[in-house]
PDB file of N, CA and C in Angstrom:
ATOM      1  N   UNK A   1      97.424 111.574 118.237  1.00  0.00           N
ATOM      2  CA  UNK A   1      98.348 112.469 117.607  1.00  0.00           C
ATOM      3  C   UNK A   1      98.284 112.249 116.092  1.00  0.00           C
ATOM      4  N   UNK A   2      98.298 113.314 115.344  1.00  0.00           N
ATOM      5  CA  UNK A   2      98.221 113.167 113.892  1.00  0.00           C
ATOM      6  C   UNK A   2      99.593 112.934 113.286  1.00  0.00           C
ATOM      7  N   UNK A   3      99.588 112.164 112.200  1.00  0.00           N
ATOM      8  CA  UNK A   3     100.841 111.914 111.490  1.00  0.00           C
ATOM      9  C   UNK A   3     100.548 111.739 110.007  1.00  0.00           C
ATOM     10  N   UNK A   4     101.586 111.854 109.218  1.00  0.00           N
ATOM     11  CA  UNK A   4     101.481 111.519 107.801  1.00  0.00           C
ATOM     12  C   UNK A   4     102.852 111.050 107.336  1.00  0.00           C
ATOM     13  N   UNK A   5     102.947 109.766 107.106  1.00  0.00           N
ATOM     14  CA  UNK A   5     104.173 109.167 106.584  1.00  0.00           C
ATOM     15  C   UNK A   5     103.833 108.530 105.242  1.00  0.00           C
ATOM     16  N   UNK A   6     104.672 108.801 104.257  1.00  0.00           N
ATOM     17  CA  UNK A   6     104.453 108.263 102.920  1.00  0.00           C
ATOM     18  C   UNK A   6     105.789 107.721 102.423  1.00  0.00           C
ATOM     19  N   UNK A   7     105.747 106.549 101.823  1.00  0.00           N
ATOM     20  CA  UNK A   7     106.950 105.955 101.244  1.00  0.00           C
ATOM     21  C   UNK A   7     107.556 106.961 100.255  1.00  0.00           C
ATOM     22  N   UNK A   8     108.793 107.332 100.474  1.00  0.00           N
ATOM     23  CA  UNK A   8     109.439 108.367  99.665  1.00  0.00           C
ATOM     24  C   UNK A   8     109.757 107.912  98.241  1.00  0.00           C
ATOM     25  N   UNK A   9     109.620 106.626  97.968  1.00  0.00           N
ATOM     26  CA  UNK A   9     109.926 106.105  96.636  1.00  0.00           C
ATOM     27  C   UNK A   9     108.705 106.049  95.719  1.00  0.00           C
ATOM     28  N   UNK A  10     107.567 106.491  96.207  1.00  0.00           N
ATOM     29  CA  UNK A  10     106.349 106.464  95.399  1.00  0.00           C
ATOM     30  C   UNK A  10     106.333 107.642  94.424  1.00  0.00           C
ATOM     31  N   UNK A  11     105.831 107.404  93.204  1.00  0.00           N
ATOM     32  CA  UNK A  11     105.718 108.524  92.255  1.00  0.00           C
ATOM     33  C   UNK A  11     104.669 109.531  92.717  1.00  0.00           C
ATOM     34  N   UNK A  12     104.830 110.774  92.305  1.00  0.00           N
ATOM     35  CA  UNK A  12     103.942 111.857  92.737  1.00  0.00           C
ATOM     36  C   UNK A  12     102.476 111.579  92.439  1.00  0.00           C
ATOM     37  N   UNK A  13     102.174 110.998  91.267  1.00  0.00           N
ATOM     38  CA  UNK A  13     100.775 110.747  90.928  1.00  0.00           C
ATOM     39  C   UNK A  13     100.143 109.748  91.887  1.00  0.00           C
ATOM     40  N   UNK A  14     100.925 108.784  92.364  1.00  0.00           N
ATOM     41  CA  UNK A  14     100.404 107.804  93.321  1.00  0.00           C
ATOM     42  C   UNK A  14     100.203 108.444  94.696  1.00  0.00           C
ATOM     43  N   UNK A  15     101.130 109.273  95.113  1.00  0.00           N
ATOM     44  CA  UNK A  15     100.994 109.989  96.386  1.00  0.00           C
ATOM     45  C   UNK A  15      99.737 110.859  96.355  1.00  0.00           C
ATOM     46  N   UNK A  16      99.530 111.583  95.258  1.00  0.00           N
ATOM     47  CA  UNK A  16      98.333 112.427  95.125  1.00  0.00           C
ATOM     48  C   UNK A  16      97.065 111.582  95.219  1.00  0.00           C
ATOM     49  N   UNK A  17      97.055 110.443  94.568  1.00  0.00           N
ATOM     50  CA  UNK A  17      95.894 109.556  94.614  1.00  0.00           C
ATOM     51  C   UNK A  17      95.635 109.017  96.006  1.00  0.00           C
ATOM     52  N   UNK A  18      96.684 108.622  96.693  1.00  0.00           N
ATOM     53  CA  UNK A  18      96.536 108.097  98.055  1.00  0.00           C
ATOM     54  C   UNK A  18      96.026 109.179  99.009  1.00  0.00           C
ATOM     55  N   UNK A  19      96.535 110.383  98.865  1.00  0.00           N
ATOM     56  CA  UNK A  19      96.077 111.475  99.724  1.00  0.00           C
ATOM     57  C   UNK A  19      94.623 111.833  99.426  1.00  0.00           C
ATOM     58  N   UNK A  20      94.215 111.730  98.162  1.00  0.00           N
ATOM     59  CA  UNK A  20      92.809 111.950  97.811  1.00  0.00           C
ATOM     60  C   UNK A  20      91.931 110.883  98.462  1.00  0.00           C
ATOM     61  N   UNK A  21      92.378 109.623  98.416  1.00  0.00           N
ATOM     62  CA  UNK A  21      91.628 108.533  99.066  1.00  0.00           C
ATOM     63  C   UNK A  21      91.493 108.826 100.557  1.00  0.00           C
ATOM     64  N   UNK A  22      92.575 109.229 101.192  1.00  0.00           N
ATOM     65  CA  UNK A  22      92.532 109.522 102.627  1.00  0.00           C
ATOM     66  C   UNK A  22      91.562 110.665 102.915  1.00  0.00           C
ATOM     67  N   UNK A  23      91.655 111.730 102.146  1.00  0.00           N
ATOM     68  CA  UNK A  23      90.760 112.869 102.378  1.00  0.00           C
ATOM     69  C   UNK A  23      89.301 112.436 102.212  1.00  0.00           C
ATOM     70  N   UNK A  24      89.009 111.661 101.203  1.00  0.00           N
ATOM     71  CA  UNK A  24      87.645 111.180 100.970  1.00  0.00           C
ATOM     72  C   UNK A  24      87.159 110.310 102.122  1.00  0.00           C
ATOM     73  N   UNK A  25      87.990 109.373 102.560  1.00  0.00           N
ATOM     74  CA  UNK A  25      87.628 108.498 103.682  1.00  0.00           C
ATOM     75  C   UNK A  25      87.389 109.285 104.966  1.00  0.00           C
ATOM     76  N   UNK A  26      88.274 110.209 105.254  1.00  0.00           N
ATOM     77  CA  UNK A  26      88.171 110.925 106.522  1.00  0.00           C
ATOM     78  C   UNK A  26      87.000 111.900 106.549  1.00  0.00           C
ATOM     79  N   UNK A  27      86.588 112.401 105.385  1.00  0.00           N
ATOM     80  CA  UNK A  27      85.447 113.310 105.322  1.00  0.00           C
ATOM     81  C   UNK A  27      84.130 112.542 105.312  1.00  0.00           C
ATOM     82  N   UNK A  28      84.077 111.447 104.571  1.00  0.00           N
ATOM     83  CA  UNK A  28      82.809 110.737 104.349  1.00  0.00           C
ATOM     84  C   UNK A  28      82.512 109.640 105.374  1.00  0.00           C
ATOM     85  N   UNK A  29      83.491 109.272 106.187  1.00  0.00           N
ATOM     86  CA  UNK A  29      83.291 108.195 107.159  1.00  0.00           C
ATOM     87  C   UNK A  29      83.855 108.618 108.513  1.00  0.00           C
ATOM     88  N   UNK A  30      83.768 107.727 109.467  1.00  0.00           N
ATOM     89  CA  UNK A  30      84.369 107.992 110.780  1.00  0.00           C
ATOM     90  C   UNK A  30      85.808 107.472 110.848  1.00  0.00           C
ATOM     91  N   UNK A  31      86.381 107.109 109.714  1.00  0.00           N
ATOM     92  CA  UNK A  31      87.769 106.631 109.647  1.00  0.00           C
ATOM     93  C   UNK A  31      88.706 107.751 110.075  1.00  0.00           C
ATOM     94  N   UNK A  32      89.599 107.446 111.013  1.00  0.00           N
ATOM     95  CA  UNK A  32      90.531 108.452 111.512  1.00  0.00           C
ATOM     96  C   UNK A  32      91.994 108.054 111.350  1.00  0.00           C
ATOM     97  N   UNK A  33      92.246 106.829 110.885  1.00  0.00           N
ATOM     98  CA  UNK A  33      93.610 106.365 110.644  1.00  0.00           C
ATOM     99  C   UNK A  33      93.599 105.473 109.408  1.00  0.00           C
ATOM    100  N   UNK A  34      94.646 105.568 108.611  1.00  0.00           N
ATOM    101  CA  UNK A  34      94.786 104.708 107.442  1.00  0.00           C
ATOM    102  C   UNK A  34      96.236 104.275 107.349  1.00  0.00           C
ATOM    103  N   UNK A  35      96.417 102.968 107.237  1.00  0.00           N
ATOM    104  CA  UNK A  35      97.748 102.388 107.059  1.00  0.00           C
ATOM    105  C   UNK A  35      97.669 101.477 105.845  1.00  0.00           C
ATOM    106  N   UNK A  36      98.615 101.641 104.933  1.00  0.00           N
ATOM    107  CA  UNK A  36      98.666 100.772 103.755  1.00  0.00           C
ATOM    108  C   UNK A  36     100.027 100.106 103.696  1.00  0.00           C
ATOM    109  N   UNK A  37      99.989  98.772 103.662  1.00  0.00           N
ATOM    110  CA  UNK A  37     101.172  97.945 103.450  1.00  0.00           C
ATOM    111  C   UNK A  37     100.838  97.073 102.251  1.00  0.00           C
ATOM    112  N   UNK A  38     101.698  97.083 101.241  1.00  0.00           N
ATOM    113  CA  UNK A  38     101.440  96.310 100.033  1.00  0.00           C
ATOM    114  C   UNK A  38     102.705  95.564  99.639  1.00  0.00           C
ATOM    115  N   UNK A  39     102.563  94.272  99.400  1.00  0.00           N
ATOM    116  CA  UNK A  39     103.696  93.427  98.999  1.00  0.00           C
ATOM    117  C   UNK A  39     104.848  93.549 100.011  1.00  0.00           C
ATOM    118  N   UNK A  40     104.470  93.534 101.292  1.00  0.00           N
ATOM    119  CA  UNK A  40     105.425  93.628 102.407  1.00  0.00           C
ATOM    120  C   UNK A  40     106.228  94.934 102.398  1.00  0.00           C
ATOM    121  N   UNK A  41     105.679  95.968 101.787  1.00  0.00           N
ATOM    122  CA  UNK A  41     106.324  97.280 101.732  1.00  0.00           C
ATOM    123  C   UNK A  41     105.419  98.316 102.394  1.00  0.00           C
ATOM    124  N   UNK A  42     106.009  99.189 103.175  1.00  0.00           N
ATOM    125  CA  UNK A  42     105.264 100.305 103.749  1.00  0.00           C
ATOM    126  C   UNK A  42     104.897 101.276 102.631  1.00  0.00           C
ATOM    127  N   UNK A  43     103.624 101.677 102.593  1.00  0.00           N
ATOM    128  CA  UNK A  43     103.162 102.638 101.602  1.00  0.00           C
ATOM    129  C   UNK A  43     102.744 103.946 102.273  1.00  0.00           C
ATOM    130  N   UNK A  44     101.877 103.850 103.297  1.00  0.00           N
ATOM    131  CA  UNK A  44     101.292 105.059 103.861  1.00  0.00           C
ATOM    132  C   UNK A  44     100.839 104.837 105.295  1.00  0.00           C
ATOM    133  N   UNK A  45     101.025 105.849 106.122  1.00  0.00           N
ATOM    134  CA  UNK A  45     100.432 105.928 107.458  1.00  0.00           C
ATOM    135  C   UNK A  45      99.985 107.368 107.626  1.00  0.00           C
ATOM    136  N   UNK A  46      98.672 107.569 107.790  1.00  0.00           N
ATOM    137  CA  UNK A  46      98.163 108.931 107.908  1.00  0.00           C
ATOM    138  C   UNK A  46      96.972 108.978 108.862  1.00  0.00           C
ATOM    139  N   UNK A  47      96.663 110.164 109.310  1.00  0.00           N
ATOM    140  CA  UNK A  47      95.588 110.326 110.287  1.00  0.00           C
ATOM    141  C   UNK A  47      96.147 110.248 111.690  1.00  0.00           C
ATOM    142  N   UNK A  48      95.365 109.683 112.592  1.00  0.00           N
ATOM    143  CA  UNK A  48      95.806 109.581 113.982  1.00  0.00           C
ATOM    144  C   UNK A  48      96.649 108.333 114.190  1.00  0.00           C
ATOM    145  N   UNK A  49      97.669 108.470 115.018  1.00  0.00           N
ATOM    146  CA  UNK A  49      98.564 107.364 115.356  1.00  0.00           C
ATOM    147  C   UNK A  49      98.868 107.431 116.845  1.00  0.00           C
ATOM    148  N   UNK A  50      99.350 106.343 117.366  1.00  0.00           N
ATOM    149  CA  UNK A  50      99.719 106.266 118.776  1.00  0.00           C
ATOM    150  C   UNK A  50     100.983 107.090 119.016  1.00  0.00           C
ATOM    151  N   UNK A  51     101.030 107.779 120.132  1.00  0.00           N
ATOM    152  CA  UNK A  51     102.225 108.535 120.504  1.00  0.00           C
ATOM    153  C   UNK A  51     103.296 107.573 121.009  1.00  0.00           C
ATOM    154  N   UNK A  52     104.550 107.939 120.802  1.00  0.00           N
ATOM    155  CA  UNK A  52     105.643 107.114 121.309  1.00  0.00           C
ATOM    156  C   UNK A  52     105.619 107.119 122.829  1.00  0.00           C
ATOM    157  N   UNK A  53     106.223 106.116 123.423  1.00  0.00           N
ATOM    158  CA  UNK A  53     106.213 106.004 124.887  1.00  0.00           C
ATOM    159  C   UNK A  53     107.006 107.127 125.556  1.00  0.00           C
ATOM    160  N   UNK A  54     107.904 107.761 124.823  1.00  0.00           N
ATOM    161  CA  UNK A  54     108.679 108.860 125.387  1.00  0.00           C
ATOM    162  C   UNK A  54     107.886 110.167 125.363  1.00  0.00           C
ATOM    163  N   UNK A  55     106.716 110.130 124.699  1.00  0.00           N
ATOM    164  CA  UNK A  55     105.820 111.287 124.633  1.00  0.00           C
ATOM    165  C   UNK A  55     106.555 112.544 124.166  1.00  0.00           C
ATOM    166  N   UNK A  56     107.370 112.393 123.124  1.00  0.00           N
ATOM    167  CA  UNK A  56     108.160 113.500 122.591  1.00  0.00           C
ATOM    168  C   UNK A  56     107.522 114.104 121.331  1.00  0.00           C
ATOM    169  N   UNK A  57     106.211 114.059 121.261  1.00  0.00           N
ATOM    170  CA  UNK A  57     105.436 114.589 120.138  1.00  0.00           C
ATOM    171  C   UNK A  57     105.707 113.838 118.854  1.00  0.00           C
ATOM    172  N   UNK A  58     106.131 112.583 118.981  1.00  0.00           N
ATOM    173  CA  UNK A  58     106.328 111.733 117.811  1.00  0.00           C
ATOM    174  C   UNK A  58     105.331 110.593 117.880  1.00  0.00           C
ATOM    175  N   UNK A  59     105.052 110.022 116.725  1.00  0.00           N
ATOM    176  CA  UNK A  59     104.097 108.916 116.666  1.00  0.00           C
ATOM    177  C   UNK A  59     104.810 107.601 116.372  1.00  0.00           C
ATOM    178  N   UNK A  60     104.156 106.510 116.732  1.00  0.00           N
ATOM    179  CA  UNK A  60     104.715 105.176 116.520  1.00  0.00           C
ATOM    180  C   UNK A  60     104.607 104.840 115.036  1.00  0.00           C
ATOM    181  N   UNK A  61     105.730 104.583 114.383  1.00  0.00           N
ATOM    182  CA  UNK A  61     105.668 104.216 112.970  1.00  0.00           C
ATOM    183  C   UNK A  61     105.230 102.756 112.802  1.00  0.00           C
ATOM    184  N   UNK A  62     104.757 102.441 111.615  1.00  0.00           N
ATOM    185  CA  UNK A  62     104.393 101.064 111.298  1.00  0.00           C
ATOM    186  C   UNK A  62     105.681 100.270 111.117  1.00  0.00           C
ATOM    187  N   UNK A  63     105.817  99.201 111.883  1.00  0.00           N
ATOM    188  CA  UNK A  63     106.948  98.296 111.744  1.00  0.00           C
ATOM    189  C   UNK A  63     106.486  97.157 110.833  1.00  0.00           C
ATOM    190  N   UNK A  64     106.774  97.289 109.556  1.00  0.00           N
ATOM    191  CA  UNK A  64     106.276  96.334 108.555  1.00  0.00           C
ATOM    192  C   UNK A  64     106.763  94.925 108.850  1.00  0.00           C
ATOM    193  N   UNK A  65     107.990  94.803 109.284  1.00  0.00           N
ATOM    194  CA  UNK A  65     108.555  93.485 109.591  1.00  0.00           C
ATOM    195  C   UNK A  65     107.697  92.762 110.636  1.00  0.00           C
ATOM    196  N   UNK A  66     107.387  93.442 111.734  1.00  0.00           N
ATOM    197  CA  UNK A  66     106.562  92.831 112.783  1.00  0.00           C
ATOM    198  C   UNK A  66     105.109  92.671 112.354  1.00  0.00           C
ATOM    199  N   UNK A  67     104.572  93.668 111.668  1.00  0.00           N
ATOM    200  CA  UNK A  67     103.170  93.607 111.244  1.00  0.00           C
ATOM    201  C   UNK A  67     102.919  92.428 110.311  1.00  0.00           C
ATOM    202  N   UNK A  68     103.771  92.237 109.332  1.00  0.00           N
ATOM    203  CA  UNK A  68     103.542  91.175 108.351  1.00  0.00           C
ATOM    204  C   UNK A  68     103.737  89.783 108.926  1.00  0.00           C
ATOM    205  N   UNK A  69     104.344  89.682 110.079  1.00  0.00           N
ATOM    206  CA  UNK A  69     104.508  88.387 110.750  1.00  0.00           C
ATOM    207  C   UNK A  69     103.437  88.143 111.817  1.00  0.00           C
ATOM    208  N   UNK A  70     102.665  89.166 112.103  1.00  0.00           N
ATOM    209  CA  UNK A  70     101.622  89.068 113.132  1.00  0.00           C
ATOM    210  C   UNK A  70     100.456  88.215 112.628  1.00  0.00           C
ATOM    211  N   UNK A  71      99.771  87.582 113.556  1.00  0.00           N
ATOM    212  CA  UNK A  71      98.681  86.669 113.194  1.00  0.00           C
ATOM    213  C   UNK A  71      97.515  87.383 112.517  1.00  0.00           C
ATOM    214  N   UNK A  72      97.224  88.633 112.897  1.00  0.00           N
ATOM    215  CA  UNK A  72      96.152  89.386 112.238  1.00  0.00           C
ATOM    216  C   UNK A  72      96.433  89.532 110.748  1.00  0.00           C
ATOM    217  N   UNK A  73      97.613  89.991 110.441  1.00  0.00           N
ATOM    218  CA  UNK A  73      98.020  90.210 109.057  1.00  0.00           C
ATOM    219  C   UNK A  73      98.058  88.888 108.299  1.00  0.00           C
ATOM    220  N   UNK A  74      98.636  87.882 108.918  1.00  0.00           N
ATOM    221  CA  UNK A  74      98.752  86.573 108.265  1.00  0.00           C
ATOM    222  C   UNK A  74      97.387  85.979 107.929  1.00  0.00           C
ATOM    223  N   UNK A  75      96.433  86.092 108.845  1.00  0.00           N
ATOM    224  CA  UNK A  75      95.112  85.505 108.595  1.00  0.00           C
ATOM    225  C   UNK A  75      94.403  86.204 107.440  1.00  0.00           C
ATOM    226  N   UNK A  76      94.519  87.523 107.346  1.00  0.00           N
ATOM    227  CA  UNK A  76      93.903  88.257 106.240  1.00  0.00           C
ATOM    228  C   UNK A  76      94.628  87.941 104.931  1.00  0.00           C
ATOM    229  N   UNK A  77      95.942  87.847 104.978  1.00  0.00           N
ATOM    230  CA  UNK A  77      96.713  87.533 103.776  1.00  0.00           C
ATOM    231  C   UNK A  77      96.360  86.162 103.216  1.00  0.00           C
ATOM    232  N   UNK A  78      96.208  85.197 104.094  1.00  0.00           N
ATOM    233  CA  UNK A  78      95.894  83.833 103.642  1.00  0.00           C
ATOM    234  C   UNK A  78      94.459  83.698 103.156  1.00  0.00           C
ATOM    235  N   UNK A  79      93.522  84.330 103.848  1.00  0.00           N
ATOM    236  CA  UNK A  79      92.109  84.185 103.487  1.00  0.00           C
ATOM    237  C   UNK A  79      91.726  85.054 102.288  1.00  0.00           C
ATOM    238  N   UNK A  80      92.481  86.148 102.057  1.00  0.00           N
ATOM    239  CA  UNK A  80      92.167  87.117 101.005  1.00  0.00           C
ATOM    240  C   UNK A  80      90.801  87.762 101.226  1.00  0.00           C
ATOM    241  N   UNK A  81      90.336  87.752 102.481  1.00  0.00           N
ATOM    242  CA  UNK A  81      89.037  88.323 102.831  1.00  0.00           C
ATOM    243  C   UNK A  81      89.215  89.447 103.837  1.00  0.00           C
ATOM    244  N   UNK A  82      88.331  90.430 103.738  1.00  0.00           N
ATOM    245  CA  UNK A  82      88.333  91.532 104.688  1.00  0.00           C
ATOM    246  C   UNK A  82      87.989  91.018 106.083  1.00  0.00           C
ATOM    247  N   UNK A  83      88.626  91.588 107.088  1.00  0.00           N
ATOM    248  CA  UNK A  83      88.300  91.268 108.481  1.00  0.00           C
ATOM    249  C   UNK A  83      87.930  92.560 109.190  1.00  0.00           C
ATOM    250  N   UNK A  84      86.885  92.482 109.996  1.00  0.00           N
ATOM    251  CA  UNK A  84      86.394  93.661 110.722  1.00  0.00           C
ATOM    252  C   UNK A  84      86.253  93.305 112.187  1.00  0.00           C
ATOM    253  N   UNK A  85      86.881  94.110 113.044  1.00  0.00           N
ATOM    254  CA  UNK A  85      86.743  93.947 114.488  1.00  0.00           C
ATOM    255  C   UNK A  85      86.057  95.199 115.008  1.00  0.00           C
ATOM    256  N   UNK A  86      84.794  95.037 115.393  1.00  0.00           N
ATOM    257  CA  UNK A  86      83.967  96.177 115.805  1.00  0.00           C
ATOM    258  C   UNK A  86      84.314  96.679 117.198  1.00  0.00           C
ATOM    259  N   UNK A  87      84.876  95.823 118.028  1.00  0.00           N
ATOM    260  CA  UNK A  87      85.227  96.229 119.387  1.00  0.00           C
ATOM    261  C   UNK A  87      86.653  95.757 119.663  1.00  0.00           C
ATOM    262  N   UNK A  88      87.596  96.523 119.177  1.00  0.00           N
ATOM    263  CA  UNK A  88      88.997  96.123 119.236  1.00  0.00           C
ATOM    264  C   UNK A  88      89.501  95.936 120.667  1.00  0.00           C
ATOM    265  N   UNK A  89      88.922  96.644 121.617  1.00  0.00           N
ATOM    266  CA  UNK A  89      89.387  96.540 123.004  1.00  0.00           C
ATOM    267  C   UNK A  89      89.188  95.135 123.568  1.00  0.00           C
ATOM    268  N   UNK A  90      88.276  94.361 123.002  1.00  0.00           N
ATOM    269  CA  UNK A  90      88.033  92.994 123.466  1.00  0.00           C
ATOM    270  C   UNK A  90      88.926  91.968 122.769  1.00  0.00           C
ATOM    271  N   UNK A  91      89.677  92.419 121.789  1.00  0.00           N
ATOM    272  CA  UNK A  91      90.485  91.503 120.986  1.00  0.00           C
ATOM    273  C   UNK A  91      91.897  91.414 121.566  1.00  0.00           C
ATOM    274  N   UNK A  92      92.333  90.229 121.971  1.00  0.00           N
ATOM    275  CA  UNK A  92      93.631  90.112 122.641  1.00  0.00           C
ATOM    276  C   UNK A  92      94.836  90.460 121.761  1.00  0.00           C
ATOM    277  N   UNK A  93      94.690  90.425 120.461  1.00  0.00           N
ATOM    278  CA  UNK A  93      95.836  90.704 119.593  1.00  0.00           C
ATOM    279  C   UNK A  93      95.915  92.172 119.163  1.00  0.00           C
ATOM    280  N   UNK A  94      95.237  93.027 119.875  1.00  0.00           N
ATOM    281  CA  UNK A  94      95.320  94.462 119.597  1.00  0.00           C
ATOM    282  C   UNK A  94      96.780  94.932 119.667  1.00  0.00           C
ATOM    283  N   UNK A  95      97.570  94.265 120.469  1.00  0.00           N
ATOM    284  CA  UNK A  95      98.984  94.624 120.623  1.00  0.00           C
ATOM    285  C   UNK A  95      99.768  94.475 119.317  1.00  0.00           C
ATOM    286  N   UNK A  96      99.207  93.766 118.340  1.00  0.00           N
ATOM    287  CA  UNK A  96      99.862  93.617 117.041  1.00  0.00           C
ATOM    288  C   UNK A  96      99.750  94.885 116.196  1.00  0.00           C
ATOM    289  N   UNK A  97      98.980  95.843 116.684  1.00  0.00           N
ATOM    290  CA  UNK A  97      98.768  97.108 115.972  1.00  0.00           C
ATOM    291  C   UNK A  97      99.170  98.292 116.853  1.00  0.00           C
ATOM    292  N   UNK A  98     100.420  98.328 117.334  1.00  0.00           N
ATOM    293  CA  UNK A  98     100.827  99.354 118.301  1.00  0.00           C
ATOM    294  C   UNK A  98     100.858 100.770 117.727  1.00  0.00           C
ATOM    295  N   UNK A  99     100.813 100.904 116.431  1.00  0.00           N
ATOM    296  CA  UNK A  99     100.846 102.216 115.787  1.00  0.00           C
ATOM    297  C   UNK A  99      99.491 102.914 115.805  1.00  0.00           C
ATOM    298  N   UNK A 100      98.413 102.156 116.093  1.00  0.00           N
ATOM    299  CA  UNK A 100      97.087 102.770 116.172  1.00  0.00           C
ATOM    300  C   UNK A 100      96.894 103.427 117.541  1.00  0.00           C
ATOM    301  N   UNK A 101      96.115 104.495 117.597  1.00  0.00           N
ATOM    302  CA  UNK A 101      95.859 105.136 118.892  1.00  0.00           C
ATOM    303  C   UNK A 101      95.274 104.132 119.886  1.00  0.00           C
ATOM    304  N   UNK A 102      95.599 104.300 121.146  1.00  0.00           N
ATOM    305  CA  UNK A 102      95.149 103.353 122.174  1.00  0.00           C
ATOM    306  C   UNK A 102      93.640 103.317 122.312  1.00  0.00           C
ATOM    307  N   UNK A 103      92.948 104.379 121.907  1.00  0.00           N
ATOM    308  CA  UNK A 103      91.495 104.405 122.017  1.00  0.00           C
ATOM    309  C   UNK A 103      90.792 103.971 120.721  1.00  0.00           C
ATOM    310  N   UNK A 104      91.506 103.314 119.827  1.00  0.00           N
ATOM    311  CA  UNK A 104      90.906 102.830 118.579  1.00  0.00           C
ATOM    312  C   UNK A 104      89.814 101.834 118.912  1.00  0.00           C
ATOM    313  N   UNK A 105      88.630 102.078 118.368  1.00  0.00           N
ATOM    314  CA  UNK A 105      87.482 101.231 118.692  1.00  0.00           C
ATOM    315  C   UNK A 105      87.300 100.080 117.721  1.00  0.00           C
ATOM    316  N   UNK A 106      87.544 100.307 116.440  1.00  0.00           N
ATOM    317  CA  UNK A 106      87.295  99.281 115.431  1.00  0.00           C
ATOM    318  C   UNK A 106      88.387  99.323 114.375  1.00  0.00           C
ATOM    319  N   UNK A 107      88.584  98.181 113.715  1.00  0.00           N
ATOM    320  CA  UNK A 107      89.607  98.063 112.678  1.00  0.00           C
ATOM    321  C   UNK A 107      89.052  97.235 111.531  1.00  0.00           C
ATOM    322  N   UNK A 108      89.353  97.678 110.318  1.00  0.00           N
ATOM    323  CA  UNK A 108      89.081  96.878 109.130  1.00  0.00           C
ATOM    324  C   UNK A 108      90.427  96.546 108.514  1.00  0.00           C
ATOM    325  N   UNK A 109      90.672  95.275 108.287  1.00  0.00           N
ATOM    326  CA  UNK A 109      91.859  94.817 107.580  1.00  0.00           C
ATOM    327  C   UNK A 109      91.393  94.355 106.213  1.00  0.00           C
ATOM    328  N   UNK A 110      91.898  95.015 105.173  1.00  0.00           N
ATOM    329  CA  UNK A 110      91.440  94.759 103.805  1.00  0.00           C
ATOM    330  C   UNK A 110      92.627  94.380 102.926  1.00  0.00           C
ATOM    331  N   UNK A 111      92.634  93.151 102.386  1.00  0.00           N
ATOM    332  CA  UNK A 111      93.717  92.796 101.467  1.00  0.00           C
ATOM    333  C   UNK A 111      93.616  93.630 100.178  1.00  0.00           C
ATOM    334  N   UNK A 112      94.765  93.961  99.604  1.00  0.00           N
ATOM    335  CA  UNK A 112      94.795  94.741  98.360  1.00  0.00           C
ATOM    336  C   UNK A 112      95.379  93.875  97.256  1.00  0.00           C
ATOM    337  N   UNK A 113      94.633  93.659  96.213  1.00  0.00           N
ATOM    338  CA  UNK A 113      95.124  92.883  95.092  1.00  0.00           C
ATOM    339  C   UNK A 113      95.546  91.494  95.506  1.00  0.00           C
ATOM    340  N   UNK A 114      96.582  91.003  94.876  1.00  0.00           N
ATOM    341  CA  UNK A 114      97.057  89.641  95.181  1.00  0.00           C
ATOM    342  C   UNK A 114      98.334  89.653  96.004  1.00  0.00           C
ATOM    343  N   UNK A 115      98.657  90.781  96.594  1.00  0.00           N
ATOM    344  CA  UNK A 115      99.891  90.902  97.371  1.00  0.00           C
ATOM    345  C   UNK A 115      99.549  91.055  98.821  1.00  0.00           C
TER     346      UNK A 115
END
């Protein structure tokens, strides 16, 4: 299911830039979902997302509180290095990313700046 959530406190120029990045990624790559969390703040969720369990045409939002405490997020934050899981279905901690579609095949976790 497609979604687009953007932090409402972001200035317009930043929203425009983020949407341009998303459009570029989705056209030039096989990327179908983008989630940005910076300094423990939700910034953006766009592209495909997991449907809610009630199947009411809504998508699962990013729960920043749970995500930032999850081991996937913590390991990338501490190492400051990109992590790539090419076959997410084999990874037991896939449950830490419930907002991604259930058929997500691969994930890249990329730290941004020093936050």
